[in-house]
Amino acid sequence: DGNTNYASSVKGRFTISRDNARSTVWLQMNSLKPEDTAIYYCNA
């Protein structure tokens, strides 16, 4: 229903978006820091 939620550590730097017609979700990550290093997983 269009609500977004972010971890405090990424708020203001990362943006999540989705396109239901394309069944796709994105994560735009800006101002990346070494502590952002990880394996990133998509979840439905």
PDB file of all heavy atoms in Angstrom:
ATOM      1  N   ASP A   1       0.814  -1.219   0.000  1.00  0.00           N
ATOM      2  CA  ASP A   1       0.000   0.000   0.000  1.00  0.00           C
ATOM      3  C   ASP A   1       0.844   1.265   0.000  1.00  0.00           C
ATOM      4  O   ASP A   1       0.345   2.357   0.264  1.00  0.00           O
ATOM      5  CB  ASP A   1      -0.981   0.014   1.168  1.00  0.00           C
ATOM      6  CG  ASP A   1      -0.299  -0.111   2.509  1.00  0.00           C
ATOM      7  OD1 ASP A   1       0.939  -0.237   2.538  1.00  0.00           O
ATOM      8  OD2 ASP A   1      -1.008  -0.100   3.532  1.00  0.00           O
ATOM      9  N   GLY A   2       2.146   1.110  -0.301  1.00  0.00           N
ATOM     10  CA  GLY A   2       2.965   2.277  -0.580  1.00  0.00           C
ATOM     11  C   GLY A   2       3.791   2.841   0.559  1.00  0.00           C
ATOM     12  O   GLY A   2       4.388   3.902   0.414  1.00  0.00           O
ATOM     13  N   ASN A   3       3.855   2.144   1.674  1.00  0.00           N
ATOM     14  CA  ASN A   3       4.647   2.640   2.796  1.00  0.00           C
ATOM     15  C   ASN A   3       6.070   2.109   2.728  1.00  0.00           C
ATOM     16  O   ASN A   3       6.295   0.945   2.399  1.00  0.00           O
ATOM     17  CB  ASN A   3       4.016   2.224   4.121  1.00  0.00           C
ATOM     18  CG  ASN A   3       2.675   2.894   4.334  1.00  0.00           C
ATOM     19  OD1 ASN A   3       2.546   4.108   4.184  1.00  0.00           O
ATOM     20  ND2 ASN A   3       1.664   2.116   4.665  1.00  0.00           N
ATOM     21  N   THR A   4       7.011   2.977   3.026  1.00  0.00           N
ATOM     22  CA  THR A   4       8.413   2.585   3.051  1.00  0.00           C
ATOM     23  C   THR A   4       8.973   2.690   4.468  1.00  0.00           C
ATOM     24  O   THR A   4       8.496   3.465   5.296  1.00  0.00           O
ATOM     25  CB  THR A   4       9.264   3.449   2.118  1.00  0.00           C
ATOM     26  OG1 THR A   4       9.121   4.830   2.489  1.00  0.00           O
ATOM     27  CG2 THR A   4       8.836   3.275   0.672  1.00  0.00           C
ATOM     28  N   ASN A   5       9.990   1.893   4.701  1.00  0.00           N
ATOM     29  CA  ASN A   5      10.649   1.872   6.004  1.00  0.00           C
ATOM     30  C   ASN A   5      12.133   1.646   5.772  1.00  0.00           C
ATOM     31  O   ASN A   5      12.504   0.869   4.892  1.00  0.00           O
ATOM     32  CB  ASN A   5      10.072   0.749   6.866  1.00  0.00           C
ATOM     33  CG  ASN A   5      10.697   0.702   8.239  1.00  0.00           C
ATOM     34  OD1 ASN A   5      10.766   1.705   8.927  1.00  0.00           O
ATOM     35  ND2 ASN A   5      11.171  -0.466   8.643  1.00  0.00           N
ATOM     36  N   TYR A   6      12.960   2.347   6.553  1.00  0.00           N
ATOM     37  CA  TYR A   6      14.401   2.250   6.387  1.00  0.00           C
ATOM     38  C   TYR A   6      15.084   2.005   7.720  1.00  0.00           C
ATOM     39  O   TYR A   6      14.657   2.514   8.759  1.00  0.00           O
ATOM     40  CB  TYR A   6      14.968   3.541   5.796  1.00  0.00           C
ATOM     41  CG  TYR A   6      14.506   3.841   4.395  1.00  0.00           C
ATOM     42  CD1 TYR A   6      13.371   4.612   4.167  1.00  0.00           C
ATOM     43  CD2 TYR A   6      15.188   3.335   3.296  1.00  0.00           C
ATOM     44  CE1 TYR A   6      12.938   4.879   2.888  1.00  0.00           C
ATOM     45  CE2 TYR A   6      14.767   3.606   1.999  1.00  0.00           C
ATOM     46  CZ  TYR A   6      13.642   4.370   1.802  1.00  0.00           C
ATOM     47  OH  TYR A   6      13.216   4.639   0.521  1.00  0.00           O
ATOM     48  N   ALA A   7      16.175   1.260   7.676  1.00  0.00           N
ATOM     49  CA  ALA A   7      17.037   1.165   8.841  1.00  0.00           C
ATOM     50  C   ALA A   7      17.637   2.536   9.109  1.00  0.00           C
ATOM     51  O   ALA A   7      17.932   3.292   8.175  1.00  0.00           O
ATOM     52  CB  ALA A   7      18.147   0.147   8.599  1.00  0.00           C
ATOM     53  N   SER A   8      17.838   2.857  10.369  1.00  0.00           N
ATOM     54  CA  SER A   8      18.354   4.181  10.710  1.00  0.00           C
ATOM     55  C   SER A   8      19.723   4.428  10.095  1.00  0.00           C
ATOM     56  O   SER A   8      20.078   5.567   9.769  1.00  0.00           O
ATOM     57  CB  SER A   8      18.422   4.344  12.228  1.00  0.00           C
ATOM     58  OG  SER A   8      19.217   3.330  12.809  1.00  0.00           O
ATOM     59  N   SER A   9      20.486   3.347   9.902  1.00  0.00           N
ATOM     60  CA  SER A   9      21.849   3.488   9.382  1.00  0.00           C
ATOM     61  C   SER A   9      21.894   3.886   7.916  1.00  0.00           C
ATOM     62  O   SER A   9      22.938   4.330   7.432  1.00  0.00           O
ATOM     63  CB  SER A   9      22.623   2.184   9.586  1.00  0.00           C
ATOM     64  OG  SER A   9      21.975   1.123   8.926  1.00  0.00           O
ATOM     65  N   VAL A  10      20.783   3.719   7.197  1.00  0.00           N
ATOM     66  CA  VAL A  10      20.777   4.038   5.770  1.00  0.00           C
ATOM     67  C   VAL A  10      19.820   5.161   5.420  1.00  0.00           C
ATOM     68  O   VAL A  10      19.799   5.615   4.261  1.00  0.00           O
ATOM     69  CB  VAL A  10      20.442   2.793   4.913  1.00  0.00           C
ATOM     70  CG1 VAL A  10      21.349   1.632   5.277  1.00  0.00           C
ATOM     71  CG2 VAL A  10      18.979   2.409   5.042  1.00  0.00           C
ATOM     72  N   LYS A  11      19.039   5.615   6.370  1.00  0.00           N
ATOM     73  CA  LYS A  11      18.049   6.650   6.102  1.00  0.00           C
ATOM     74  C   LYS A  11      18.732   7.904   5.568  1.00  0.00           C
ATOM     75  O   LYS A  11      19.743   8.359   6.109  1.00  0.00           O
ATOM     76  CB  LYS A  11      17.267   6.959   7.385  1.00  0.00           C
ATOM     77  CG  LYS A  11      15.927   7.602   7.173  1.00  0.00           C
ATOM     78  CD  LYS A  11      15.116   7.630   8.457  1.00  0.00           C
ATOM     79  CE  LYS A  11      14.704   6.252   8.910  1.00  0.00           C
ATOM     80  NZ  LYS A  11      13.829   6.285  10.102  1.00  0.00           N
ATOM     81  N   GLY A  12      18.177   8.432   4.474  1.00  0.00           N
ATOM     82  CA  GLY A  12      18.764   9.607   3.843  1.00  0.00           C
ATOM     83  C   GLY A  12      19.808   9.287   2.793  1.00  0.00           C
ATOM     84  O   GLY A  12      20.194  10.165   2.014  1.00  0.00           O
ATOM     85  N   ARG A  13      20.273   8.049   2.764  1.00  0.00           N
ATOM     86  CA  ARG A  13      21.278   7.642   1.766  1.00  0.00           C
ATOM     87  C   ARG A  13      20.721   6.626   0.766  1.00  0.00           C
ATOM     88  O   ARG A  13      21.126   6.622  -0.392  1.00  0.00           O
ATOM     89  CB  ARG A  13      22.505   7.025   2.457  1.00  0.00           C
ATOM     90  CG  ARG A  13      23.202   7.958   3.428  1.00  0.00           C
ATOM     91  CD  ARG A  13      24.517   7.355   3.938  1.00  0.00           C
ATOM     92  NE  ARG A  13      24.312   6.131   4.698  1.00  0.00           N
ATOM     93  CZ  ARG A  13      24.863   4.946   4.402  1.00  0.00           C
ATOM     94  NH1 ARG A  13      25.642   4.833   3.332  1.00  0.00           N
ATOM     95  NH2 ARG A  13      24.641   3.885   5.165  1.00  0.00           N
ATOM     96  N   PHE A  14      19.837   5.763   1.235  1.00  0.00           N
ATOM     97  CA  PHE A  14      19.278   4.705   0.387  1.00  0.00           C
ATOM     98  C   PHE A  14      17.814   5.021   0.079  1.00  0.00           C
ATOM     99  O   PHE A  14      17.099   5.584   0.913  1.00  0.00           O
ATOM    100  CB  PHE A  14      19.336   3.361   1.090  1.00  0.00           C
ATOM    101  CG  PHE A  14      20.710   2.790   1.281  1.00  0.00           C
ATOM    102  CD1 PHE A  14      21.850   3.525   1.026  1.00  0.00           C
ATOM    103  CD2 PHE A  14      20.865   1.474   1.716  1.00  0.00           C
ATOM    104  CE1 PHE A  14      23.122   2.985   1.206  1.00  0.00           C
ATOM    105  CE2 PHE A  14      22.122   0.911   1.892  1.00  0.00           C
ATOM    106  CZ  PHE A  14      23.247   1.676   1.642  1.00  0.00           C
ATOM    107  N   THR A  15      17.373   4.595  -1.091  1.00  0.00           N
ATOM    108  CA  THR A  15      15.978   4.753  -1.491  1.00  0.00           C
ATOM    109  C   THR A  15      15.474   3.466  -2.116  1.00  0.00           C
ATOM    110  O   THR A  15      16.092   2.946  -3.050  1.00  0.00           O
ATOM    111  CB  THR A  15      15.812   5.899  -2.492  1.00  0.00           C
ATOM    112  OG1 THR A  15      16.308   7.117  -1.924  1.00  0.00           O
ATOM    113  CG2 THR A  15      14.341   6.092  -2.848  1.00  0.00           C
ATOM    114  N   ILE A  16      14.370   2.974  -1.597  1.00  0.00           N
ATOM    115  CA  ILE A  16      13.738   1.792  -2.169  1.00  0.00           C
ATOM    116  C   ILE A  16      12.592   2.236  -3.059  1.00  0.00           C
ATOM    117  O   ILE A  16      11.869   3.189  -2.739  1.00  0.00           O
ATOM    118  CB  ILE A  16      13.235   0.824  -1.068  1.00  0.00           C
ATOM    119  CG1 ILE A  16      12.767  -0.492  -1.684  1.00  0.00           C
ATOM    120  CG2 ILE A  16      12.164   1.471  -0.197  1.00  0.00           C
ATOM    121  CD1 ILE A  16      12.467  -1.589  -0.663  1.00  0.00           C
ATOM    122  N   SER A  17      12.435   1.555  -4.190  1.00  0.00           N
ATOM    123  CA  SER A  17      11.332   1.842  -5.097  1.00  0.00           C
ATOM    124  C   SER A  17      10.863   0.540  -5.728  1.00  0.00           C
ATOM    125  O   SER A  17      11.580  -0.467  -5.702  1.00  0.00           O
ATOM    126  CB  SER A  17      11.755   2.845  -6.178  1.00  0.00           C
ATOM    127  OG  SER A  17      12.852   2.363  -6.924  1.00  0.00           O
ATOM    128  N   ARG A  18       9.655   0.566  -6.280  1.00  0.00           N
ATOM    129  CA  ARG A  18       9.112  -0.632  -6.901  1.00  0.00           C
ATOM    130  C   ARG A  18       8.242  -0.249  -8.079  1.00  0.00           C
ATOM    131  O   ARG A  18       7.671   0.833  -8.125  1.00  0.00           O
ATOM    132  CB  ARG A  18       8.319  -1.470  -5.898  1.00  0.00           C
ATOM    133  CG  ARG A  18       7.049  -0.813  -5.382  1.00  0.00           C
ATOM    134  CD  ARG A  18       6.420  -1.626  -4.251  1.00  0.00           C
ATOM    135  NE  ARG A  18       5.845  -2.884  -4.728  1.00  0.00           N
ATOM    136  CZ  ARG A  18       5.435  -3.864  -3.907  1.00  0.00           C
ATOM    137  NH1 ARG A  18       5.560  -3.727  -2.593  1.00  0.00           N
ATOM    138  NH2 ARG A  18       4.911  -4.959  -4.408  1.00  0.00           N
ATOM    139  N   ASP A  19       8.134  -1.174  -9.017  1.00  0.00           N
ATOM    140  CA  ASP A  19       7.248  -1.033 -10.161  1.00  0.00           C
ATOM    141  C   ASP A  19       6.442  -2.322 -10.255  1.00  0.00           C
ATOM    142  O   ASP A  19       6.980  -3.359 -10.658  1.00  0.00           O
ATOM    143  CB  ASP A  19       8.057  -0.781 -11.435  1.00  0.00           C
ATOM    144  CG  ASP A  19       7.178  -0.518 -12.653  1.00  0.00           C
ATOM    145  OD1 ASP A  19       6.012  -0.964 -12.676  1.00  0.00           O
ATOM    146  OD2 ASP A  19       7.666   0.124 -13.591  1.00  0.00           O
ATOM    147  N   ASN A  20       5.178  -2.263  -9.883  1.00  0.00           N
ATOM    148  CA  ASN A  20       4.365  -3.482  -9.868  1.00  0.00           C
ATOM    149  C   ASN A  20       4.140  -4.040 -11.272  1.00  0.00           C
ATOM    150  O   ASN A  20       4.020  -5.255 -11.452  1.00  0.00           O
ATOM    151  CB  ASN A  20       3.020  -3.206  -9.197  1.00  0.00           C
ATOM    152  CG  ASN A  20       3.161  -2.968  -7.703  1.00  0.00           C
ATOM    153  OD1 ASN A  20       4.137  -3.396  -7.081  1.00  0.00           O
ATOM    154  ND2 ASN A  20       2.192  -2.268  -7.126  1.00  0.00           N
ATOM    155  N   ALA A  21       4.092  -3.169 -12.255  1.00  0.00           N
ATOM    156  CA  ALA A  21       3.888  -3.636 -13.630  1.00  0.00           C
ATOM    157  C   ALA A  21       5.075  -4.446 -14.138  1.00  0.00           C
ATOM    158  O   ALA A  21       4.919  -5.329 -14.985  1.00  0.00           O
ATOM    159  CB  ALA A  21       3.634  -2.451 -14.548  1.00  0.00           C
ATOM    160  N   ARG A  22       6.244  -4.154 -13.596  1.00  0.00           N
ATOM    161  CA  ARG A  22       7.464  -4.853 -14.008  1.00  0.00           C
ATOM    162  C   ARG A  22       7.921  -5.875 -12.991  1.00  0.00           C
ATOM    163  O   ARG A  22       8.950  -6.511 -13.170  1.00  0.00           O
ATOM    164  CB  ARG A  22       8.574  -3.829 -14.264  1.00  0.00           C
ATOM    165  CG  ARG A  22       8.278  -2.873 -15.398  1.00  0.00           C
ATOM    166  CD  ARG A  22       9.274  -1.731 -15.445  1.00  0.00           C
ATOM    167  NE  ARG A  22      10.642  -2.195 -15.729  1.00  0.00           N
ATOM    168  CZ  ARG A  22      11.687  -1.382 -15.790  1.00  0.00           C
ATOM    169  NH1 ARG A  22      11.526  -0.077 -15.584  1.00  0.00           N
ATOM    170  NH2 ARG A  22      12.885  -1.869 -16.052  1.00  0.00           N
ATOM    171  N   SER A  23       7.159  -6.002 -11.898  1.00  0.00           N
ATOM    172  CA  SER A  23       7.505  -6.959 -10.827  1.00  0.00           C
ATOM    173  C   SER A  23       8.956  -6.788 -10.392  1.00  0.00           C
ATOM    174  O   SER A  23       9.699  -7.773 -10.236  1.00  0.00           O
ATOM    175  CB  SER A  23       7.256  -8.403 -11.278  1.00  0.00           C
ATOM    176  OG  SER A  23       5.888  -8.615 -11.546  1.00  0.00           O
ATOM    177  N   THR A  24       9.344  -5.567 -10.190  1.00  0.00           N
ATOM    178  CA  THR A  24      10.735  -5.258  -9.871  1.00  0.00           C
ATOM    179  C   THR A  24      10.802  -4.262  -8.712  1.00  0.00           C
ATOM    180  O   THR A  24       9.979  -3.353  -8.620  1.00  0.00           O
ATOM    181  CB  THR A  24      11.459  -4.682 -11.091  1.00  0.00           C
ATOM    182  OG1 THR A  24      11.410  -5.633 -12.162  1.00  0.00           O
ATOM    183  CG2 THR A  24      12.919  -4.370 -10.777  1.00  0.00           C
ATOM    184  N   VAL A  25      11.786  -4.478  -7.870  1.00  0.00           N
ATOM    185  CA  VAL A  25      12.079  -3.549  -6.776  1.00  0.00           C
ATOM    186  C   VAL A  25      13.555  -3.165  -6.883  1.00  0.00           C
ATOM    187  O   VAL A  25      14.395  -3.990  -7.271  1.00  0.00           O
ATOM    188  CB  VAL A  25      11.743  -4.169  -5.413  1.00  0.00           C
ATOM    189  CG1 VAL A  25      12.557  -5.421  -5.142  1.00  0.00           C
ATOM    190  CG2 VAL A  25      11.904  -3.159  -4.290  1.00  0.00           C
ATOM    191  N   TRP A  26      13.836  -1.902  -6.552  1.00  0.00           N
ATOM    192  CA  TRP A  26      15.207  -1.397  -6.641  1.00  0.00           C
ATOM    193  C   TRP A  26      15.641  -0.847  -5.279  1.00  0.00           C
ATOM    194  O   TRP A  26      14.816  -0.451  -4.455  1.00  0.00           O
ATOM    195  CB  TRP A  26      15.304  -0.260  -7.653  1.00  0.00           C
ATOM    196  CG  TRP A  26      15.006  -0.648  -9.056  1.00  0.00           C
ATOM    197  CD1 TRP A  26      15.883  -1.124  -9.983  1.00  0.00           C
ATOM    198  CD2 TRP A  26      13.743  -0.580  -9.734  1.00  0.00           C
ATOM    199  NE1 TRP A  26      15.249  -1.353 -11.180  1.00  0.00           N
ATOM    200  CE2 TRP A  26      13.930  -1.028 -11.054  1.00  0.00           C
ATOM    201  CE3 TRP A  26      12.456  -0.174  -9.346  1.00  0.00           C
ATOM    202  CZ2 TRP A  26      12.903  -1.089 -11.991  1.00  0.00           C
ATOM    203  CZ3 TRP A  26      11.429  -0.239 -10.275  1.00  0.00           C
ATOM    204  CH2 TRP A  26      11.661  -0.680 -11.569  1.00  0.00           C
ATOM    205  N   LEU A  27      16.947  -0.788  -5.098  1.00  0.00           N
ATOM    206  CA  LEU A  27      17.516  -0.110  -3.949  1.00  0.00           C
ATOM    207  C   LEU A  27      18.623   0.796  -4.470  1.00  0.00           C
ATOM    208  O   LEU A  27      19.671   0.311  -4.922  1.00  0.00           O
ATOM    209  CB  LEU A  27      18.074  -1.100  -2.926  1.00  0.00           C
ATOM    210  CG  LEU A  27      18.605  -0.468  -1.640  1.00  0.00           C
ATOM    211  CD1 LEU A  27      17.444   0.129  -0.832  1.00  0.00           C
ATOM    212  CD2 LEU A  27      19.364  -1.489  -0.794  1.00  0.00           C
ATOM    213  N   GLN A  28      18.375   2.088  -4.447  1.00  0.00           N
ATOM    214  CA  GLN A  28      19.381   3.070  -4.828  1.00  0.00           C
ATOM    215  C   GLN A  28      20.205   3.392  -3.588  1.00  0.00           C
ATOM    216  O   GLN A  28      19.649   3.822  -2.567  1.00  0.00           O
ATOM    217  CB  GLN A  28      18.729   4.337  -5.366  1.00  0.00           C
ATOM    218  CG  GLN A  28      19.715   5.439  -5.724  1.00  0.00           C
ATOM    219  CD  GLN A  28      20.593   5.075  -6.910  1.00  0.00           C
ATOM    220  OE1 GLN A  28      20.119   4.546  -7.912  1.00  0.00           O
ATOM    221  NE2 GLN A  28      21.885   5.356  -6.791  1.00  0.00           N
ATOM    222  N   MET A  29      21.501   3.172  -3.678  1.00  0.00           N
ATOM    223  CA  MET A  29      22.389   3.375  -2.545  1.00  0.00           C
ATOM    224  C   MET A  29      23.389   4.470  -2.881  1.00  0.00           C
ATOM    225  O   MET A  29      24.196   4.308  -3.810  1.00  0.00           O
ATOM    226  CB  MET A  29      23.115   2.072  -2.204  1.00  0.00           C
ATOM    227  CG  MET A  29      22.167   0.899  -1.964  1.00  0.00           C
ATOM    228  SD  MET A  29      23.023  -0.585  -1.417  1.00  0.00           S
ATOM    229  CE  MET A  29      23.966  -0.986  -2.888  1.00  0.00           C
ATOM    230  N   ASN A  30      23.328   5.551  -2.146  1.00  0.00           N
ATOM    231  CA  ASN A  30      24.238   6.677  -2.340  1.00  0.00           C
ATOM    232  C   ASN A  30      25.106   6.871  -1.102  1.00  0.00           C
ATOM    233  O   ASN A  30      24.802   6.349  -0.024  1.00  0.00           O
ATOM    234  CB  ASN A  30      23.439   7.956  -2.617  1.00  0.00           C
ATOM    235  CG  ASN A  30      22.606   7.877  -3.877  1.00  0.00           C
ATOM    236  OD1 ASN A  30      22.973   7.216  -4.853  1.00  0.00           O
ATOM    237  ND2 ASN A  30      21.470   8.559  -3.874  1.00  0.00           N
ATOM    238  N   SER A  31      26.167   7.629  -1.268  1.00  0.00           N
ATOM    239  CA  SER A  31      27.073   7.939  -0.153  1.00  0.00           C
ATOM    240  C   SER A  31      27.468   6.667   0.594  1.00  0.00           C
ATOM    241  O   SER A  31      27.391   6.596   1.825  1.00  0.00           O
ATOM    242  CB  SER A  31      26.412   8.934   0.802  1.00  0.00           C
ATOM    243  OG  SER A  31      26.063  10.119   0.137  1.00  0.00           O
ATOM    244  N   LEU A  32      27.864   5.680  -0.151  1.00  0.00           N
ATOM    245  CA  LEU A  32      28.172   4.378   0.448  1.00  0.00           C
ATOM    246  C   LEU A  32      29.371   4.454   1.374  1.00  0.00           C
ATOM    247  O   LEU A  32      30.327   5.206   1.135  1.00  0.00           O
ATOM    248  CB  LEU A  32      28.397   3.345  -0.645  1.00  0.00           C
ATOM    249  CG  LEU A  32      27.098   2.819  -1.269  1.00  0.00           C
ATOM    250  CD1 LEU A  32      27.367   2.190  -2.629  1.00  0.00           C
ATOM    251  CD2 LEU A  32      26.412   1.828  -0.348  1.00  0.00           C
ATOM    252  N   LYS A  33      29.307   3.662   2.421  1.00  0.00           N
ATOM    253  CA  LYS A  33      30.351   3.610   3.442  1.00  0.00           C
ATOM    254  C   LYS A  33      30.902   2.190   3.517  1.00  0.00           C
ATOM    255  O   LYS A  33      30.204   1.220   3.165  1.00  0.00           O
ATOM    256  CB  LYS A  33      29.768   3.986   4.807  1.00  0.00           C
ATOM    257  CG  LYS A  33      29.076   5.334   4.847  1.00  0.00           C
ATOM    258  CD  LYS A  33      28.429   5.563   6.206  1.00  0.00           C
ATOM    259  CE  LYS A  33      27.712   6.910   6.256  1.00  0.00           C
ATOM    260  NZ  LYS A  33      27.073   7.132   7.580  1.00  0.00           N
ATOM    261  N   PRO A  34      32.127   2.034   4.012  1.00  0.00           N
ATOM    262  CA  PRO A  34      32.666   0.675   4.156  1.00  0.00           C
ATOM    263  C   PRO A  34      31.758  -0.239   4.981  1.00  0.00           C
ATOM    264  O   PRO A  34      31.686  -1.445   4.702  1.00  0.00           O
ATOM    265  CB  PRO A  34      34.006   0.916   4.856  1.00  0.00           C
ATOM    266  CG  PRO A  34      34.410   2.274   4.397  1.00  0.00           C
ATOM    267  CD  PRO A  34      33.128   3.071   4.321  1.00  0.00           C
ATOM    268  N   GLU A  35      31.066   0.314   5.948  1.00  0.00           N
ATOM    269  CA  GLU A  35      30.185  -0.511   6.786  1.00  0.00           C
ATOM    270  C   GLU A  35      28.923  -0.972   6.058  1.00  0.00           C
ATOM    271  O   GLU A  35      28.149  -1.758   6.606  1.00  0.00           O
ATOM    272  CB  GLU A  35      29.809   0.221   8.079  1.00  0.00           C
ATOM    273  CG  GLU A  35      29.269   1.615   7.884  1.00  0.00           C
ATOM    274  CD  GLU A  35      30.344   2.688   8.057  1.00  0.00           C
ATOM    275  OE1 GLU A  35      31.484   2.494   7.552  1.00  0.00           O
ATOM    276  OE2 GLU A  35      30.037   3.728   8.682  1.00  0.00           O
ATOM    277  N   ASP A  36      28.713  -0.496   4.840  1.00  0.00           N
ATOM    278  CA  ASP A  36      27.607  -1.002   4.024  1.00  0.00           C
ATOM    279  C   ASP A  36      27.984  -2.294   3.302  1.00  0.00           C
ATOM    280  O   ASP A  36      27.136  -2.913   2.655  1.00  0.00           O
ATOM    281  CB  ASP A  36      27.184   0.037   2.980  1.00  0.00           C
ATOM    282  CG  ASP A  36      26.602   1.291   3.611  1.00  0.00           C
ATOM    283  OD1 ASP A  36      25.805   1.170   4.559  1.00  0.00           O
ATOM    284  OD2 ASP A  36      26.950   2.390   3.139  1.00  0.00           O
ATOM    285  N   THR A  37      29.236  -2.695   3.408  1.00  0.00           N
ATOM    286  CA  THR A  37      29.684  -3.937   2.768  1.00  0.00           C
ATOM    287  C   THR A  37      28.935  -5.130   3.335  1.00  0.00           C
ATOM    288  O   THR A  37      28.896  -5.341   4.555  1.00  0.00           O
ATOM    289  CB  THR A  37      31.203  -4.114   2.982  1.00  0.00           C
ATOM    290  OG1 THR A  37      31.892  -3.060   2.300  1.00  0.00           O
ATOM    291  CG2 THR A  37      31.666  -5.449   2.450  1.00  0.00           C
ATOM    292  N   ALA A  38      28.324  -5.894   2.452  1.00  0.00           N
ATOM    293  CA  ALA A  38      27.511  -7.045   2.862  1.00  0.00           C
ATOM    294  C   ALA A  38      26.970  -7.745   1.620  1.00  0.00           C
ATOM    295  O   ALA A  38      27.096  -7.235   0.504  1.00  0.00           O
ATOM    296  CB  ALA A  38      26.344  -6.595   3.742  1.00  0.00           C
ATOM    297  N   ILE A  39      26.369  -8.889   1.841  1.00  0.00           N
ATOM    298  CA  ILE A  39      25.542  -9.503   0.811  1.00  0.00           C
ATOM    299  C   ILE A  39      24.132  -8.945   0.987  1.00  0.00           C
ATOM    300  O   ILE A  39      23.585  -8.979   2.102  1.00  0.00           O
ATOM    301  CB  ILE A  39      25.542 -11.028   0.914  1.00  0.00           C
ATOM    302  CG1 ILE A  39      26.951 -11.578   0.751  1.00  0.00           C
ATOM    303  CG2 ILE A  39      24.607 -11.625  -0.148  1.00  0.00           C
ATOM    304  CD1 ILE A  39      27.059 -13.069   0.976  1.00  0.00           C
ATOM    305  N   TYR A  40      23.572  -8.439  -0.083  1.00  0.00           N
ATOM    306  CA  TYR A  40      22.239  -7.845  -0.062  1.00  0.00           C
ATOM    307  C   TYR A  40      21.238  -8.838  -0.667  1.00  0.00           C
ATOM    308  O   TYR A  40      21.459  -9.362  -1.763  1.00  0.00           O
ATOM    309  CB  TYR A  40      22.232  -6.532  -0.822  1.00  0.00           C
ATOM    310  CG  TYR A  40      22.865  -5.409  -0.038  1.00  0.00           C
ATOM    311  CD1 TYR A  40      24.247  -5.388   0.194  1.00  0.00           C
ATOM    312  CD2 TYR A  40      22.098  -4.381   0.496  1.00  0.00           C
ATOM    313  CE1 TYR A  40      24.831  -4.380   0.941  1.00  0.00           C
ATOM    314  CE2 TYR A  40      22.668  -3.364   1.237  1.00  0.00           C
ATOM    315  CZ  TYR A  40      24.037  -3.367   1.456  1.00  0.00           C
ATOM    316  OH  TYR A  40      24.616  -2.362   2.193  1.00  0.00           O
ATOM    317  N   TYR A  41      20.154  -9.046   0.062  1.00  0.00           N
ATOM    318  CA  TYR A  41      19.138 -10.017  -0.331  1.00  0.00           C
ATOM    319  C   TYR A  41      17.802  -9.317  -0.567  1.00  0.00           C
ATOM    320  O   TYR A  41      17.377  -8.464   0.222  1.00  0.00           O
ATOM    321  CB  TYR A  41      18.939 -11.069   0.755  1.00  0.00           C
ATOM    322  CG  TYR A  41      20.133 -11.930   1.030  1.00  0.00           C
ATOM    323  CD1 TYR A  41      21.054 -11.578   2.005  1.00  0.00           C
ATOM    324  CD2 TYR A  41      20.331 -13.126   0.330  1.00  0.00           C
ATOM    325  CE1 TYR A  41      22.159 -12.377   2.277  1.00  0.00           C
ATOM    326  CE2 TYR A  41      21.419 -13.933   0.584  1.00  0.00           C
ATOM    327  CZ  TYR A  41      22.330 -13.553   1.566  1.00  0.00           C
ATOM    328  OH  TYR A  41      23.412 -14.356   1.827  1.00  0.00           O
ATOM    329  N   CYS A  42      17.130  -9.737  -1.603  1.00  0.00           N
ATOM    330  CA  CYS A  42      15.775  -9.295  -1.878  1.00  0.00           C
ATOM    331  C   CYS A  42      14.802 -10.244  -1.160  1.00  0.00           C
ATOM    332  O   CYS A  42      15.044 -11.461  -1.092  1.00  0.00           O
ATOM    333  CB  CYS A  42      15.542  -9.333  -3.380  1.00  0.00           C
ATOM    334  SG  CYS A  42      13.891  -8.854  -3.932  1.00  0.00           S
ATOM    335  N   ASN A  43      13.730  -9.681  -0.645  1.00  0.00           N
ATOM    336  CA  ASN A  43      12.737 -10.481   0.088  1.00  0.00           C
ATOM    337  C   ASN A  43      11.342 -10.067  -0.335  1.00  0.00           C
ATOM    338  O   ASN A  43      11.045  -8.877  -0.477  1.00  0.00           O
ATOM    339  CB  ASN A  43      12.930 -10.260   1.589  1.00  0.00           C
ATOM    340  CG  ASN A  43      11.875 -10.958   2.414  1.00  0.00           C
ATOM    341  OD1 ASN A  43      10.848 -10.379   2.757  1.00  0.00           O
ATOM    342  ND2 ASN A  43      12.132 -12.206   2.748  1.00  0.00           N
ATOM    343  N   ALA A  44      10.501 -11.063  -0.541  1.00  0.00           N
ATOM    344  CA  ALA A  44       9.079 -10.843  -0.829  1.00  0.00           C
ATOM    345  C   ALA A  44       8.297 -11.466   0.313  1.00  0.00           C
ATOM    346  O   ALA A  44       8.459 -12.658   0.599  1.00  0.00           O
ATOM    347  CB  ALA A  44       8.687 -11.462  -2.159  1.00  0.00           C
TER     348      ALA A  44
END
